[in-house]
Structures are given as C-alpha cells and as structure tokens.
PDB file of N, CA and C in Angstrom:
ATOM      1  N   MET A   1      78.453 108.175 153.916  1.00  0.00           N
ATOM      2  CA  MET A   1      79.657 108.464 153.148  1.00  0.00           C
ATOM      3  C   MET A   1      80.325 109.685 153.790  1.00  0.00           C
ATOM      4  N   ASP A   2      81.582 109.524 154.119  1.00  0.00           N
ATOM      5  CA  ASP A   2      82.273 110.655 154.745  1.00  0.00           C
ATOM      6  C   ASP A   2      82.843 111.581 153.662  1.00  0.00           C
ATOM      7  N   ASN A   3      83.387 112.697 154.094  1.00  0.00           N
ATOM      8  CA  ASN A   3      83.877 113.720 153.184  1.00  0.00           C
ATOM      9  C   ASN A   3      85.001 113.203 152.281  1.00  0.00           C
ATOM     10  N   GLN A   4      85.900 112.411 152.843  1.00  0.00           N
ATOM     11  CA  GLN A   4      87.025 111.896 152.059  1.00  0.00           C
ATOM     12  C   GLN A   4      86.528 110.971 150.945  1.00  0.00           C
ATOM     13  N   GLN A   5      85.589 110.112 151.252  1.00  0.00           N
ATOM     14  CA  GLN A   5      85.021 109.217 150.239  1.00  0.00           C
ATOM     15  C   GLN A   5      84.292 110.008 149.159  1.00  0.00           C
ATOM     16  N   PHE A   6      83.569 111.028 149.593  1.00  0.00           N
ATOM     17  CA  PHE A   6      82.837 111.867 148.651  1.00  0.00           C
ATOM     18  C   PHE A   6      83.797 112.552 147.680  1.00  0.00           C
ATOM     19  N   MET A   7      84.874 113.113 148.195  1.00  0.00           N
ATOM     20  CA  MET A   7      85.851 113.801 147.354  1.00  0.00           C
ATOM     21  C   MET A   7      86.540 112.821 146.396  1.00  0.00           C
ATOM     22  N   ALA A   8      86.825 111.621 146.866  1.00  0.00           N
ATOM     23  CA  ALA A   8      87.440 110.610 146.005  1.00  0.00           C
ATOM     24  C   ALA A   8      86.496 110.240 144.865  1.00  0.00           C
ATOM     25  N   GLN A   9      85.213 110.108 145.185  1.00  0.00           N
ATOM     26  CA  GLN A   9      84.235 109.766 144.151  1.00  0.00           C
ATOM     27  C   GLN A   9      84.080 110.921 143.149  1.00  0.00           C
ATOM     28  N   MET A  10      84.083 112.141 143.633  1.00  0.00           N
ATOM     29  CA  MET A  10      83.995 113.301 142.744  1.00  0.00           C
ATOM     30  C   MET A  10      85.200 113.343 141.794  1.00  0.00           C
ATOM     31  N   ALA A  11      86.374 113.024 142.305  1.00  0.00           N
ATOM     32  CA  ALA A  11      87.575 113.007 141.467  1.00  0.00           C
ATOM     33  C   ALA A  11      87.451 111.933 140.384  1.00  0.00           C
ATOM     34  N   GLN A  12      86.884 110.783 140.738  1.00  0.00           N
ATOM     35  CA  GLN A  12      86.691 109.717 139.752  1.00  0.00           C
ATOM     36  C   GLN A  12      85.700 110.142 138.673  1.00  0.00           C
ATOM     37  N   PHE A  13      84.622 110.801 139.073  1.00  0.00           N
ATOM     38  CA  PHE A  13      83.638 111.266 138.098  1.00  0.00           C
ATOM     39  C   PHE A  13      84.239 112.321 137.174  1.00  0.00           C
ATOM     40  N   THR A  14      85.049 113.203 137.726  1.00  0.00           N
ATOM     41  CA  THR A  14      85.707 114.233 136.922  1.00  0.00           C
ATOM     42  C   THR A  14      86.651 113.599 135.913  1.00  0.00           C
ATOM     43  N   SER A  15      87.418 112.623 136.358  1.00  0.00           N
ATOM     44  CA  SER A  15      88.340 111.920 135.462  1.00  0.00           C
ATOM     45  C   SER A  15      87.573 111.202 134.354  1.00  0.00           C
ATOM     46  N   LEU A  16      86.482 110.566 134.697  1.00  0.00           N
ATOM     47  CA  LEU A  16      85.654 109.865 133.707  1.00  0.00           C
ATOM     48  C   LEU A  16      85.094 110.850 132.688  1.00  0.00           C
ATOM     49  N   GLU A  17      84.608 111.987 133.161  1.00  0.00           N
ATOM     50  CA  GLU A  17      84.055 113.000 132.262  1.00  0.00           C
ATOM     51  C   GLU A  17      85.123 113.516 131.299  1.00  0.00           C
ATOM     52  N   GLN A  18      86.313 113.764 131.794  1.00  0.00           N
ATOM     53  CA  GLN A  18      87.402 114.238 130.941  1.00  0.00           C
ATOM     54  C   GLN A  18      87.788 113.180 129.911  1.00  0.00           C
ATOM     55  N   THR A  19      87.799 111.927 130.320  1.00  0.00           N
ATOM     56  CA  THR A  19      88.124 110.845 129.396  1.00  0.00           C
ATOM     57  C   THR A  19      87.077 110.737 128.296  1.00  0.00           C
ATOM     58  N   GLN A  20      85.810 110.895 128.655  1.00  0.00           N
ATOM     59  CA  GLN A  20      84.744 110.834 127.659  1.00  0.00           C
ATOM     60  C   GLN A  20      84.838 112.000 126.680  1.00  0.00           C
ATOM     61  N   ARG A  21      85.172 113.184 127.176  1.00  0.00           N
ATOM     62  CA  ARG A  21      85.338 114.336 126.277  1.00  0.00           C
ATOM     63  C   ARG A  21      86.511 114.117 125.321  1.00  0.00           C
ATOM     64  N   LEU A  22      87.605 113.606 125.849  1.00  0.00           N
ATOM     65  CA  LEU A  22      88.776 113.325 125.012  1.00  0.00           C
ATOM     66  C   LEU A  22      88.438 112.301 123.941  1.00  0.00           C
ATOM     67  N   ASN A  23      87.705 111.278 124.311  1.00  0.00           N
ATOM     68  CA  ASN A  23      87.288 110.250 123.361  1.00  0.00           C
ATOM     69  C   ASN A  23      86.441 110.851 122.243  1.00  0.00           C
ATOM     70  N   GLY A  24      85.532 111.747 122.613  1.00  0.00           N
ATOM     71  CA  GLY A  24      84.708 112.420 121.607  1.00  0.00           C
ATOM     72  C   GLY A  24      85.544 113.257 120.653  1.00  0.00           C
ATOM     73  N   LYS A  25      86.533 113.973 121.199  1.00  0.00           N
ATOM     74  CA  LYS A  25      87.407 114.789 120.363  1.00  0.00           C
ATOM     75  C   LYS A  25      88.252 113.917 119.423  1.00  0.00           C
ATOM     76  N   LEU A  26      88.726 112.788 119.924  1.00  0.00           N
ATOM     77  CA  LEU A  26      89.493 111.873 119.076  1.00  0.00           C
ATOM     78  C   LEU A  26      88.620 111.296 117.965  1.00  0.00           C
ATOM     79  N   ASP A  27      87.376 110.980 118.291  1.00  0.00           N
ATOM     80  CA  ASP A  27      86.454 110.489 117.265  1.00  0.00           C
ATOM     81  C   ASP A  27      86.257 111.533 116.171  1.00  0.00           C
ATOM     82  N   GLN A  28      86.101 112.808 116.573  1.00  0.00           N
ATOM     83  CA  GLN A  28      85.950 113.887 115.596  1.00  0.00           C
ATOM     84  C   GLN A  28      87.194 114.011 114.725  1.00  0.00           C
ATOM     85  N   LEU A  29      88.352 113.944 115.350  1.00  0.00           N
ATOM     86  CA  LEU A  29      89.611 114.062 114.617  1.00  0.00           C
ATOM     87  C   LEU A  29      89.750 112.938 113.598  1.00  0.00           C
ATOM     88  N   ILE A  30      89.453 111.727 114.014  1.00  0.00           N
ATOM     89  CA  ILE A  30      89.546 110.579 113.106  1.00  0.00           C
ATOM     90  C   ILE A  30      88.559 110.730 111.952  1.00  0.00           C
ATOM     91  N   THR A  31      87.358 111.176 112.263  1.00  0.00           N
ATOM     92  CA  THR A  31      86.340 111.367 111.222  1.00  0.00           C
ATOM     93  C   THR A  31      86.784 112.429 110.230  1.00  0.00           C
ATOM     94  N   ASN A  32      87.342 113.526 110.728  1.00  0.00           N
ATOM     95  CA  ASN A  32      87.757 114.621 109.855  1.00  0.00           C
ATOM     96  C   ASN A  32      89.032 114.312 109.089  1.00  0.00           C
ATOM     97  N   GLN A  33      89.942 113.582 109.664  1.00  0.00           N
ATOM     98  CA  GLN A  33      91.227 113.310 109.031  1.00  0.00           C
ATOM     99  C   GLN A  33      91.210 112.052 108.170  1.00  0.00           C
ATOM    100  N   GLY A  34      90.304 111.152 108.414  1.00  0.00           N
ATOM    101  CA  GLY A  34      90.265 109.896 107.676  1.00  0.00           C
ATOM    102  C   GLY A  34      90.234 110.061 106.171  1.00  0.00           C
ATOM    103  N   PRO A  35      89.291 110.847 105.619  1.00  0.00           N
ATOM    104  CA  PRO A  35      89.254 111.017 104.159  1.00  0.00           C
ATOM    105  C   PRO A  35      90.517 111.692 103.627  1.00  0.00           C
ATOM    106  N   ARG A  36      91.074 112.616 104.366  1.00  0.00           N
ATOM    107  CA  ARG A  36      92.292 113.301 103.919  1.00  0.00           C
ATOM    108  C   ARG A  36      93.462 112.330 103.836  1.00  0.00           C
ATOM    109  N   CYS A  37      93.584 111.468 104.836  1.00  0.00           N
ATOM    110  CA  CYS A  37      94.688 110.508 104.856  1.00  0.00           C
ATOM    111  C   CYS A  37      94.571 109.520 103.703  1.00  0.00           C
ATOM    112  N   SER A  38      93.382 109.054 103.425  1.00  0.00           N
ATOM    113  CA  SER A  38      93.229 108.073 102.351  1.00  0.00           C
ATOM    114  C   SER A  38      93.474 108.729 100.996  1.00  0.00           C
ATOM    115  N   ARG A  39      93.088 110.002 100.845  1.00  0.00           N
ATOM    116  CA  ARG A  39      93.362 110.705  99.580  1.00  0.00           C
ATOM    117  C   ARG A  39      94.862 110.908  99.408  1.00  0.00           C
ATOM    118  N   SER A  40      95.544 111.259 100.479  1.00  0.00           N
ATOM    119  CA  SER A  40      96.987 111.470 100.403  1.00  0.00           C
ATOM    120  C   SER A  40      97.707 110.180 100.035  1.00  0.00           C
ATOM    121  N   ALA A  41      97.278 109.105 100.614  1.00  0.00           N
ATOM    122  CA  ALA A  41      97.920 107.811 100.338  1.00  0.00           C
ATOM    123  C   ALA A  41      97.674 107.383  98.897  1.00  0.00           C
ATOM    124  N   SER A  42      96.489 107.621  98.382  1.00  0.00           N
ATOM    125  CA  SER A  42      96.195 107.191  97.023  1.00  0.00           C
ATOM    126  C   SER A  42      96.867 108.083  95.994  1.00  0.00           C
ATOM    127  N   SER A  43      97.138 109.340  96.327  1.00  0.00           N
ATOM    128  CA  SER A  43      97.780 110.234  95.367  1.00  0.00           C
ATOM    129  C   SER A  43      99.300 110.148  95.424  1.00  0.00           C
ATOM    130  N   ALA A  44      99.835 109.360  96.319  1.00  0.00           N
ATOM    131  CA  ALA A  44     101.280 109.252  96.467  1.00  0.00           C
ATOM    132  C   ALA A  44     101.900 108.389  95.380  1.00  0.00           C
ATOM    133  N   GLY A  45     101.109 107.677  94.639  1.00  0.00           N
ATOM    134  CA  GLY A  45     101.645 106.838  93.574  1.00  0.00           C
ATOM    135  C   GLY A  45     101.835 105.421  94.041  1.00  0.00           C
ATOM    136  N   PRO A  46     102.281 104.571  93.122  1.00  0.00           N
ATOM    137  CA  PRO A  46     102.449 103.161  93.493  1.00  0.00           C
ATOM    138  C   PRO A  46     103.597 102.996  94.484  1.00  0.00           C
ATOM    139  N   SER A  47     103.447 102.047  95.359  1.00  0.00           N
ATOM    140  CA  SER A  47     104.501 101.796  96.327  1.00  0.00           C
ATOM    141  C   SER A  47     105.544 100.880  95.682  1.00  0.00           C
ATOM    142  N   LYS A  48     106.762 101.059  96.070  1.00  0.00           N
ATOM    143  CA  LYS A  48     107.846 100.226  95.537  1.00  0.00           C
ATOM    144  C   LYS A  48     108.154  99.154  96.560  1.00  0.00           C
ATOM    145  N   SER A  49     108.260  97.947  96.088  1.00  0.00           N
ATOM    146  CA  SER A  49     108.581  96.859  97.008  1.00  0.00           C
ATOM    147  C   SER A  49     110.037  96.443  96.786  1.00  0.00           C
ATOM    148  N   ARG A  50     110.604  95.912  97.815  1.00  0.00           N
ATOM    149  CA  ARG A  50     111.986  95.440  97.740  1.00  0.00           C
ATOM    150  C   ARG A  50     112.032  94.059  97.100  1.00  0.00           C
ATOM    151  N   PRO A  51     113.097  93.794  96.359  1.00  0.00           N
ATOM    152  CA  PRO A  51     113.222  92.429  95.818  1.00  0.00           C
ATOM    153  C   PRO A  51     113.489  91.454  96.957  1.00  0.00           C
ATOM    154  N   PRO A  52     113.172  90.194  96.752  1.00  0.00           N
ATOM    155  CA  PRO A  52     113.422  89.212  97.827  1.00  0.00           C
ATOM    156  C   PRO A  52     114.911  89.076  98.080  1.00  0.00           C
ATOM    157  N   PRO A  53     115.315  88.789  99.303  1.00  0.00           N
ATOM    158  CA  PRO A  53     116.745  88.659  99.611  1.00  0.00           C
ATOM    159  C   PRO A  53     117.341  87.441  98.902  1.00  0.00           C
ATOM    160  N   ALA A  54     118.601  87.591  98.500  1.00  0.00           N
ATOM    161  CA  ALA A  54     119.300  86.482  97.840  1.00  0.00           C
ATOM    162  C   ALA A  54     119.693  85.443  98.880  1.00  0.00           C
ATOM    163  N   VAL A  55     119.572  84.202  98.516  1.00  0.00           N
ATOM    164  CA  VAL A  55     119.917  83.123  99.456  1.00  0.00           C
ATOM    165  C   VAL A  55     121.206  82.465  99.135  1.00  0.00           C
TER     166      VAL A  55
END
C-alpha cells in the first residue's frame, strides 16, 4: 500500500468515525426530546379538522 492509498483509507476511517459519533448524538437527542415532544403534543388540546370540501 503506497502513501496515497494509506492517506485515502485514513480519511475514510475518520469520516466513518465522525458519522458514528453524529449518529450517537442524534440517538441521544431523540431519546431526550421524545418524551417532551409527546407531552407537548398531548397538552396542546384537541386538533381541529377542516370540513370536507363542497362539491
């Protein structure tokens, strides 16, 4: 493996590592925000629906 190939592979590993960290952070955010979002939606009251369009 020459130097250029080695550097390209290192860049791919770095990108993969960053993607995995981002995925972990997004999972944490979803876990932490999920209960808050569902509580907010349930406390907003009943939703109003539009009447059907006249034909």
